[in-house]
C-alpha atoms as a PDB file:
ATOM      1  CA  MET A   1     -24.929 -35.891  -2.132  1.00  0.00           C
ATOM      2  CA  LYS A   2     -23.624 -33.451   0.219  1.00  0.00           C
ATOM      3  CA  LYS A   3     -27.184 -33.228   2.503  1.00  0.00           C
ATOM      4  CA  LEU A   4     -27.449 -36.654   2.842  1.00  0.00           C
ATOM      5  CA  THR A   5     -23.351 -36.968   3.811  1.00  0.00           C
ATOM      6  CA  TYR A   6     -23.716 -34.282   6.479  1.00  0.00           C
ATOM      7  CA  SER A   7     -27.205 -35.599   7.705  1.00  0.00           C
ATOM      8  CA  SER A   8     -25.267 -39.350   7.909  1.00  0.00           C
ATOM      9  CA  LEU A   9     -22.290 -37.615   9.734  1.00  0.00           C
ATOM     10  CA  VAL A  10     -24.682 -35.907  12.089  1.00  0.00           C
ATOM     11  CA  LEU A  11     -26.363 -39.212  12.688  1.00  0.00           C
ATOM     12  CA  PHE A  12     -23.720 -40.727  13.249  1.00  0.00           C
ATOM     13  CA  ALA A  13     -21.853 -38.679  15.852  1.00  0.00           C
ATOM     14  CA  LEU A  14     -25.265 -38.517  17.832  1.00  0.00           C
ATOM     15  CA  ALA A  15     -25.194 -42.164  17.771  1.00  0.00           C
ATOM     16  CA  GLY A  16     -22.173 -42.446  19.164  1.00  0.00           C
ATOM     17  CA  VAL A  17     -22.303 -40.280  21.848  1.00  0.00           C
ATOM     18  CA  LEU A  18     -25.379 -42.501  22.968  1.00  0.00           C
ATOM     19  CA  MET A  19     -23.907 -45.536  23.176  1.00  0.00           C
ATOM     20  CA  ILE A  20     -21.154 -43.942  24.756  1.00  0.00           C
ATOM     21  CA  GLY A  21     -23.622 -42.131  27.625  1.00  0.00           C
ATOM     22  CA  CYS A  22     -25.388 -46.221  27.941  1.00  0.00           C
ATOM     23  CA  LYS A  23     -22.301 -47.339  28.894  1.00  0.00           C
ATOM     24  CA  GLY A  24     -21.657 -45.166  31.398  1.00  0.00           C
ATOM     25  CA  LYS A  25     -24.549 -47.417  33.151  1.00  0.00           C
ATOM     26  CA  GLN A  26     -23.957 -51.098  33.260  1.00  0.00           C
ATOM     27  CA  LYS A  27     -27.070 -53.506  33.453  1.00  0.00           C
ATOM     28  CA  LEU A  28     -27.427 -55.970  35.672  1.00  0.00           C
ATOM     29  CA  PRO A  29     -27.203 -59.599  35.227  1.00  0.00           C
ATOM     30  CA  LYS A  30     -30.690 -60.836  33.942  1.00  0.00           C
ATOM     31  CA  GLY A  31     -33.207 -62.026  36.009  1.00  0.00           C
ATOM     32  CA  GLU A  32     -32.084 -59.315  38.605  1.00  0.00           C
ATOM     33  CA  THR A  33     -33.605 -55.846  39.655  1.00  0.00           C
ATOM     34  CA  GLU A  34     -31.760 -52.992  41.153  1.00  0.00           C
ATOM     35  CA  VAL A  35     -32.772 -52.540  44.791  1.00  0.00           C
ATOM     36  CA  ASN A  36     -32.109 -48.863  46.419  1.00  0.00           C
ATOM     37  CA  ILE A  37     -32.191 -49.489  50.035  1.00  0.00           C
ATOM     38  CA  PRO A  38     -33.028 -46.258  52.134  1.00  0.00           C
ATOM     39  CA  CYS A  39     -29.745 -44.585  54.664  1.00  0.00           C
ATOM     40  CA  SER A  40     -27.275 -46.027  53.093  1.00  0.00           C
ATOM     41  CA  GLY A  41     -24.994 -45.348  50.345  1.00  0.00           C
ATOM     42  CA  PRO A  42     -21.780 -42.415  49.778  1.00  0.00           C
ATOM     43  CA  ASP A  43     -23.854 -40.381  51.789  1.00  0.00           C
ATOM     44  CA  TYR A  44     -23.632 -42.394  54.925  1.00  0.00           C
ATOM     45  CA  PHE A  45     -20.467 -43.629  54.592  1.00  0.00           C
ATOM     46  CA  THR A  46     -17.468 -43.248  57.194  1.00  0.00           C
ATOM     47  CA  ASN A  47     -14.793 -40.138  56.475  1.00  0.00           C
ATOM     48  CA  LYS A  48     -12.231 -38.072  57.844  1.00  0.00           C
ATOM     49  CA  ASN A  49     -14.676 -36.295  60.288  1.00  0.00           C
ATOM     50  CA  PHE A  50     -17.500 -38.725  60.971  1.00  0.00           C
ATOM     51  CA  PHE A  51     -17.694 -42.951  61.692  1.00  0.00           C
ATOM     52  CA  ARG A  52     -21.295 -44.170  60.503  1.00  0.00           C
ATOM     53  CA  ALA A  53     -22.859 -47.615  60.072  1.00  0.00           C
ATOM     54  CA  ASN A  54     -26.151 -48.173  58.910  1.00  0.00           C
ATOM     55  CA  SER A  55     -28.293 -51.213  59.093  1.00  0.00           C
ATOM     56  CA  MET A  56     -32.116 -52.272  59.030  1.00  0.00           C
ATOM     57  CA  GLY A  57     -34.160 -54.600  61.467  1.00  0.00           C
ATOM     58  CA  GLU A  58     -37.425 -56.191  60.936  1.00  0.00           C
ATOM     59  CA  SER A  59     -39.935 -57.238  63.029  1.00  0.00           C
ATOM     60  CA  MET A  60     -43.929 -58.310  63.600  1.00  0.00           C
ATOM     61  CA  ASP A  61     -43.486 -54.889  65.776  1.00  0.00           C
ATOM     62  CA  LEU A  62     -42.658 -51.488  65.213  1.00  0.00           C
ATOM     63  CA  VAL A  63     -40.288 -50.460  67.944  1.00  0.00           C
ATOM     64  CA  ALA A  64     -38.840 -53.537  67.842  1.00  0.00           C
ATOM     65  CA  SER A  65     -37.870 -53.494  64.238  1.00  0.00           C
ATOM     66  CA  LYS A  66     -35.641 -50.074  64.780  1.00  0.00           C
ATOM     67  CA  LYS A  67     -34.315 -51.960  68.555  1.00  0.00           C
ATOM     68  CA  LYS A  68     -32.740 -54.318  66.010  1.00  0.00           C
ATOM     69  CA  ALA A  69     -31.634 -51.704  63.097  1.00  0.00           C
ATOM     70  CA  LEU A  70     -30.580 -49.299  65.983  1.00  0.00           C
ATOM     71  CA  ASP A  71     -28.655 -52.571  67.463  1.00  0.00           C
ATOM     72  CA  ASN A  72     -26.974 -53.889  64.366  1.00  0.00           C
ATOM     73  CA  ALA A  73     -26.032 -50.405  63.297  1.00  0.00           C
ATOM     74  CA  ARG A  74     -24.262 -49.788  66.797  1.00  0.00           C
ATOM     75  CA  ALA A  75     -22.528 -53.114  66.597  1.00  0.00           C
ATOM     76  CA  GLU A  76     -21.231 -52.252  63.063  1.00  0.00           C
ATOM     77  CA  LEU A  77     -20.070 -48.807  64.832  1.00  0.00           C
ATOM     78  CA  ALA A  78     -18.476 -50.230  67.617  1.00  0.00           C
ATOM     79  CA  ALA A  79     -16.398 -52.829  65.202  1.00  0.00           C
ATOM     80  CA  SER A  80     -15.197 -49.729  62.944  1.00  0.00           C
ATOM     81  CA  ILE A  81     -14.055 -48.201  65.483  1.00  0.00           C
ATOM     82  CA  GLN A  82     -12.555 -50.568  67.214  1.00  0.00           C
ATOM     83  CA  SER A  83     -10.440 -51.719  64.127  1.00  0.00           C
ATOM     84  CA  THR A  84      -9.499 -48.234  63.223  1.00  0.00           C
ATOM     85  CA  VAL A  85      -7.762 -47.588  66.977  1.00  0.00           C
ATOM     86  CA  LYS A  86      -6.294 -50.434  66.488  1.00  0.00           C
ATOM     87  CA  THR A  87      -5.000 -49.313  63.445  1.00  0.00           C
ATOM     88  CA  VAL A  88      -3.988 -46.630  64.948  1.00  0.00           C
ATOM     89  CA  THR A  89      -2.521 -47.235  68.000  1.00  0.00           C
ATOM     90  CA  ASP A  90      -0.222 -50.251  66.039  1.00  0.00           C
ATOM     91  CA  ASN A  91       1.300 -47.537  64.183  1.00  0.00           C
ATOM     92  CA  TYR A  92       1.293 -45.028  66.635  1.00  0.00           C
ATOM     93  CA  MET A  93       3.249 -47.588  69.091  1.00  0.00           C
ATOM     94  CA  ILE A  94       5.781 -48.377  66.059  1.00  0.00           C
ATOM     95  CA  SER A  95       6.679 -44.561  65.597  1.00  0.00           C
ATOM     96  CA  ARG A  96       6.998 -44.574  68.891  1.00  0.00           C
ATOM     97  CA  GLU A  97       9.534 -47.610  69.321  1.00  0.00           C
ATOM     98  CA  PHE A  98       8.238 -48.562  72.774  1.00  0.00           C
ATOM     99  CA  ASN A  99      10.110 -50.930  74.717  1.00  0.00           C
ATOM    100  CA  ASN A 100       7.482 -52.132  76.668  1.00  0.00           C
ATOM    101  CA  LYS A 101       5.599 -52.811  73.704  1.00  0.00           C
ATOM    102  CA  GLU A 102       3.393 -55.930  74.569  1.00  0.00           C
ATOM    103  CA  GLU A 103       2.089 -54.304  77.788  1.00  0.00           C
ATOM    104  CA  LEU A 104       0.891 -51.298  76.077  1.00  0.00           C
ATOM    105  CA  GLU A 105      -0.552 -52.973  73.452  1.00  0.00           C
ATOM    106  CA  GLU A 106      -2.686 -54.817  76.227  1.00  0.00           C
ATOM    107  CA  ARG A 107      -3.516 -51.750  78.309  1.00  0.00           C
ATOM    108  CA  PHE A 108      -4.153 -49.978  74.845  1.00  0.00           C
ATOM    109  CA  GLU A 109      -6.705 -52.519  73.551  1.00  0.00           C
ATOM    110  CA  GLN A 110      -8.630 -52.399  77.189  1.00  0.00           C
ATOM    111  CA  LEU A 111      -8.843 -48.573  76.554  1.00  0.00           C
ATOM    112  CA  ASN A 112      -9.689 -49.149  73.240  1.00  0.00           C
ATOM    113  CA  ARG A 113     -12.800 -51.641  74.466  1.00  0.00           C
ATOM    114  CA  THR A 114     -14.207 -48.856  77.406  1.00  0.00           C
ATOM    115  CA  ILE A 115     -13.541 -45.973  74.841  1.00  0.00           C
ATOM    116  CA  VAL A 116     -15.740 -47.526  72.487  1.00  0.00           C
ATOM    117  CA  ASN A 117     -18.160 -48.653  74.658  1.00  0.00           C
ATOM    118  CA  GLN A 118     -18.248 -44.975  76.143  1.00  0.00           C
ATOM    119  CA  THR A 119     -18.218 -42.913  72.888  1.00  0.00           C
ATOM    120  CA  LEU A 120     -21.479 -44.834  71.463  1.00  0.00           C
ATOM    121  CA  SER A 121     -23.781 -43.126  73.818  1.00  0.00           C
ATOM    122  CA  GLY A 122     -22.762 -39.602  71.776  1.00  0.00           C
ATOM    123  CA  VAL A 123     -23.971 -42.005  68.344  1.00  0.00           C
ATOM    124  CA  LYS A 124     -26.391 -39.264  66.625  1.00  0.00           C
ATOM    125  CA  THR A 125     -28.834 -40.797  63.975  1.00  0.00           C
ATOM    126  CA  ILE A 126     -28.334 -39.264  60.922  1.00  0.00           C
ATOM    127  CA  CYS A 127     -31.279 -41.163  58.698  1.00  0.00           C
ATOM    128  CA  GLU A 128     -34.089 -43.129  59.861  1.00  0.00           C
ATOM    129  CA  ARG A 129     -37.228 -44.089  57.629  1.00  0.00           C
ATOM    130  CA  GLN A 130     -39.584 -47.326  58.611  1.00  0.00           C
ATOM    131  CA  SER A 131     -42.012 -49.528  56.213  1.00  0.00           C
ATOM    132  CA  LYS A 132     -44.400 -52.081  56.680  1.00  0.00           C
ATOM    133  CA  THR A 133     -44.275 -54.660  54.189  1.00  0.00           C
ATOM    134  CA  ASP A 134     -47.152 -56.929  52.712  1.00  0.00           C
ATOM    135  CA  LYS A 135     -46.717 -59.930  55.280  1.00  0.00           C
ATOM    136  CA  GLY A 136     -47.417 -57.528  58.005  1.00  0.00           C
ATOM    137  CA  GLN A 137     -43.863 -56.804  59.064  1.00  0.00           C
ATOM    138  CA  TYR A 138     -42.264 -53.911  60.041  1.00  0.00           C
ATOM    139  CA  LYS A 139     -39.170 -52.646  59.065  1.00  0.00           C
ATOM    140  CA  THR A 140     -36.339 -50.334  60.515  1.00  0.00           C
ATOM    141  CA  TYR A 141     -33.412 -48.161  58.221  1.00  0.00           C
ATOM    142  CA  ILE A 142     -31.571 -46.383  60.286  1.00  0.00           C
ATOM    143  CA  ALA A 143     -27.959 -44.507  59.744  1.00  0.00           C
ATOM    144  CA  ILE A 144     -25.481 -43.488  62.797  1.00  0.00           C
ATOM    145  CA  GLU A 145     -22.589 -41.522  63.054  1.00  0.00           C
ATOM    146  CA  LEU A 146     -20.129 -40.388  65.916  1.00  0.00           C
ATOM    147  CA  SER A 147     -17.251 -37.853  65.572  1.00  0.00           C
ATOM    148  CA  ALA A 148     -14.278 -38.955  64.924  1.00  0.00           C
ATOM    149  CA  SER A 149     -13.223 -35.612  66.907  1.00  0.00           C
ATOM    150  CA  ASP A 150     -15.107 -37.239  69.850  1.00  0.00           C
ATOM    151  CA  ILE A 151     -12.758 -40.285  69.904  1.00  0.00           C
ATOM    152  CA  VAL A 152      -9.725 -39.174  69.650  1.00  0.00           C
ATOM    153  CA  SER A 153     -10.610 -36.382  73.207  1.00  0.00           C
ATOM    154  CA  LYS A 154     -11.781 -39.177  74.976  1.00  0.00           C
ATOM    155  CA  TYR A 155      -8.764 -41.557  74.461  1.00  0.00           C
ATOM    156  CA  HIS A 156      -6.828 -37.985  75.313  1.00  0.00           C
ATOM    157  CA  GLU A 157      -8.670 -38.010  78.492  1.00  0.00           C
ATOM    158  CA  SER A 158      -8.516 -41.947  79.068  1.00  0.00           C
ATOM    159  CA  LEU A 159      -4.891 -41.903  78.438  1.00  0.00           C
ATOM    160  CA  SER A 160      -3.740 -38.774  80.609  1.00  0.00           C
ATOM    161  CA  LYS A 161      -5.283 -40.458  83.620  1.00  0.00           C
ATOM    162  CA  ASP A 162      -3.425 -44.056  83.242  1.00  0.00           C
ATOM    163  CA  GLU A 163       0.030 -43.167  84.940  1.00  0.00           C
ATOM    164  CA  ARG A 164       1.971 -45.859  82.932  1.00  0.00           C
ATOM    165  CA  LEU A 165       0.336 -44.533  79.759  1.00  0.00           C
ATOM    166  CA  ARG A 166       0.999 -41.189  80.115  1.00  0.00           C
ATOM    167  CA  ILE A 167       4.705 -41.687  80.033  1.00  0.00           C
ATOM    168  CA  ASP A 168       5.002 -42.890  76.462  1.00  0.00           C
ATOM    169  CA  TYR A 169       2.296 -41.449  74.974  1.00  0.00           C
ATOM    170  CA  ASP A 170       2.388 -38.309  72.948  1.00  0.00           C
ATOM    171  CA  TYR A 171      -0.563 -36.800  71.737  1.00  0.00           C
ATOM    172  CA  GLU A 172       0.176 -35.165  69.194  1.00  0.00           C
ATOM    173  CA  LYS A 173       1.575 -38.206  67.374  1.00  0.00           C
ATOM    174  CA  PHE A 174      -1.256 -39.872  68.640  1.00  0.00           C
ATOM    175  CA  LYS A 175      -3.900 -37.368  66.651  1.00  0.00           C
ATOM    176  CA  GLU A 176      -1.708 -37.351  63.882  1.00  0.00           C
ATOM    177  CA  THR A 177      -1.930 -40.569  63.418  1.00  0.00           C
ATOM    178  CA  PHE A 178      -5.541 -41.198  64.241  1.00  0.00           C
ATOM    179  CA  GLU A 179      -5.940 -38.467  61.303  1.00  0.00           C
ATOM    180  CA  LYS A 180      -4.449 -40.336  58.906  1.00  0.00           C
ATOM    181  CA  GLU A 181      -6.059 -43.100  59.064  1.00  0.00           C
ATOM    182  CA  MET A 182      -9.339 -41.341  58.737  1.00  0.00           C
ATOM    183  CA  GLU A 183      -8.169 -39.883  55.570  1.00  0.00           C
ATOM    184  CA  LYS A 184      -7.582 -42.440  54.442  1.00  0.00           C
ATOM    185  CA  MET A 185     -11.545 -44.618  54.872  1.00  0.00           C
ATOM    186  CA  GLY A 186     -12.899 -41.126  53.981  1.00  0.00           C
ATOM    187  CA  SER A 187     -10.932 -41.780  50.220  1.00  0.00           C
ATOM    188  CA  ARG A 188     -12.171 -45.562  50.399  1.00  0.00           C
END
């Protein structure tokens, strides 16, 4: 009887471990299949050091599929940078309590657009994969990144050249605000 009880306990314990292990992986709803997309996932998320974006392009022409993927990824990257820098400048101006806030906001927005366009030339491709579908279409998957410190440097360079902004601009405060925002993005 003791052998049976001991064996039963071991079996129950093993079954419990297996059931707990299976709960970690949630099943997809019936009729759905998980898709693994190249050049995507946590390794390609924006973090405190880099802005990142990924995309896919499809075309009958391989070069066109790559161009579509790169254009889409660049647009996503630009939007992410603009959104982040808008938040940074808003927080920066609030912390500095400028009297001419409206004028500064307009100048920062204009500067933001200019810098994003200039900095996108420094984009680095960190993943690129191509495939050909059953229908003869080419697909390009791409992930790109841009250094956050390069963006801060460009802002500092541009802000330092603008006389009206330079009067109210504090590089260390701007950089600190920017780094805090990047920390938030890295922890998402």
